[in-house]
């Protein structure tokens, strides 16, 4: 059982981020690093490799591109979409 705090409140208190869900911070895309196409139920599906804001660069993940675009404004997050032109 927790004990009630006695005395003055601590001078600095940590606050939850303003964007949280069920007391967990809501992560947002920091950058889209790469793309790949892989079959999902026999249908070619485009995936994006996402680096998440506030997480380690080791915590990147492949996400379905269409779902990602529908959830987030990615205009300034995509480093290179597609294969580009090589000269």
Protein backbone atom coordinates (compact mmCIF):
# COMPACT_ATOMS: atom_id res chain seq x y z
CA UNK A 1 0.00 0.00 0.00
CA UNK A 2 1.28 3.49 -0.82
CA UNK A 3 1.87 6.02 1.90
CA UNK A 4 0.50 9.54 1.67
CA UNK A 5 3.20 12.18 0.98
CA UNK A 6 3.80 14.54 3.85
CA UNK A 7 5.45 17.95 3.61
CA UNK A 8 5.76 20.44 0.76
CA UNK A 9 5.38 19.31 -2.82
CA UNK A 10 8.64 18.61 -4.71
CA UNK A 11 9.85 21.64 -6.71
CA UNK A 12 10.00 19.77 -10.02
CA UNK A 13 7.40 17.29 -11.14
CA UNK A 14 7.35 15.22 -14.31
CA UNK A 15 4.32 15.55 -16.53
CA UNK A 16 2.95 13.11 -19.05
CA UNK A 17 3.34 14.20 -22.65
CA UNK A 18 0.25 16.04 -23.90
CA UNK A 19 -0.28 13.32 -26.48
CA UNK A 20 -0.79 10.07 -24.61
CA UNK A 21 -3.12 7.11 -24.76
CA UNK A 22 -3.93 5.21 -21.56
CA UNK A 23 -0.93 6.81 -19.78
CA UNK A 24 1.49 5.76 -22.55
CA UNK A 25 3.15 8.38 -24.76
CA UNK A 26 1.87 8.49 -28.32
CA UNK A 27 4.80 8.03 -30.68
CA UNK A 28 4.82 9.75 -34.05
CA UNK A 29 6.96 9.22 -37.14
CA UNK A 30 10.23 11.15 -37.15
CA UNK A 31 11.33 10.00 -40.62
CA UNK A 32 10.48 7.47 -43.31
CA UNK A 33 13.81 5.86 -44.16
CA UNK A 34 13.03 3.29 -46.85
CA UNK A 35 10.31 1.48 -48.78
CA UNK A 36 9.72 -2.13 -49.79
CA UNK A 37 6.93 -4.15 -51.37
CA UNK A 38 5.96 -7.51 -49.91
CA UNK A 39 2.94 -9.76 -50.41
CA UNK A 40 0.16 -9.67 -47.80
CA UNK A 41 -2.43 -12.40 -48.39
CA UNK A 42 -1.11 -12.68 -51.95
CA UNK A 43 -1.48 -8.93 -52.66
CA UNK A 44 1.65 -6.80 -53.22
CA UNK A 45 1.68 -4.25 -50.38
CA UNK A 46 3.97 -1.26 -49.95
CA UNK A 47 5.71 -0.85 -46.59
CA UNK A 48 7.68 2.08 -45.16
CA UNK A 49 10.56 1.81 -42.70
CA UNK A 50 9.70 4.32 -39.95
CA UNK A 51 11.97 5.91 -37.38
CA UNK A 52 9.80 6.96 -34.43
CA UNK A 53 10.08 10.26 -32.59
CA UNK A 54 11.35 9.76 -29.04
CA UNK A 55 12.50 6.17 -29.60
CA UNK A 56 15.95 4.77 -30.30
CA UNK A 57 17.03 4.53 -33.96
CA UNK A 58 17.15 0.78 -33.32
CA UNK A 59 13.37 0.83 -32.80
CA UNK A 60 12.46 1.43 -36.44
CA UNK A 61 9.59 -0.64 -37.84
CA UNK A 62 8.06 -1.58 -41.18
CA UNK A 63 4.54 -0.18 -41.46
CA UNK A 64 1.93 -0.45 -44.21
CA UNK A 65 2.37 2.73 -46.25
CA UNK A 66 -1.33 3.35 -46.95
CA UNK A 67 -2.24 3.03 -43.27
CA UNK A 68 0.67 5.24 -42.23
CA UNK A 69 -0.32 7.97 -44.71
CA UNK A 70 -3.91 7.91 -43.46
CA UNK A 71 -2.86 8.33 -39.81
CA UNK A 72 -0.06 10.93 -40.03
CA UNK A 73 0.93 14.04 -42.00
CA UNK A 74 4.16 12.77 -43.55
CA UNK A 75 4.96 15.61 -45.96
CA UNK A 76 8.20 16.53 -44.18
CA UNK A 77 9.05 13.00 -42.98
CA UNK A 78 9.74 11.13 -46.23
CA UNK A 79 13.45 11.13 -47.08
CA UNK A 80 13.13 9.37 -50.43
CA UNK A 81 9.96 7.87 -51.82
CA UNK A 82 10.43 5.38 -54.64
CA UNK A 83 13.62 4.44 -56.45
CA UNK A 84 14.41 7.86 -57.93
CA UNK A 85 16.48 8.53 -61.06
CA UNK A 86 20.10 7.45 -61.25
CA UNK A 87 22.32 9.31 -63.70
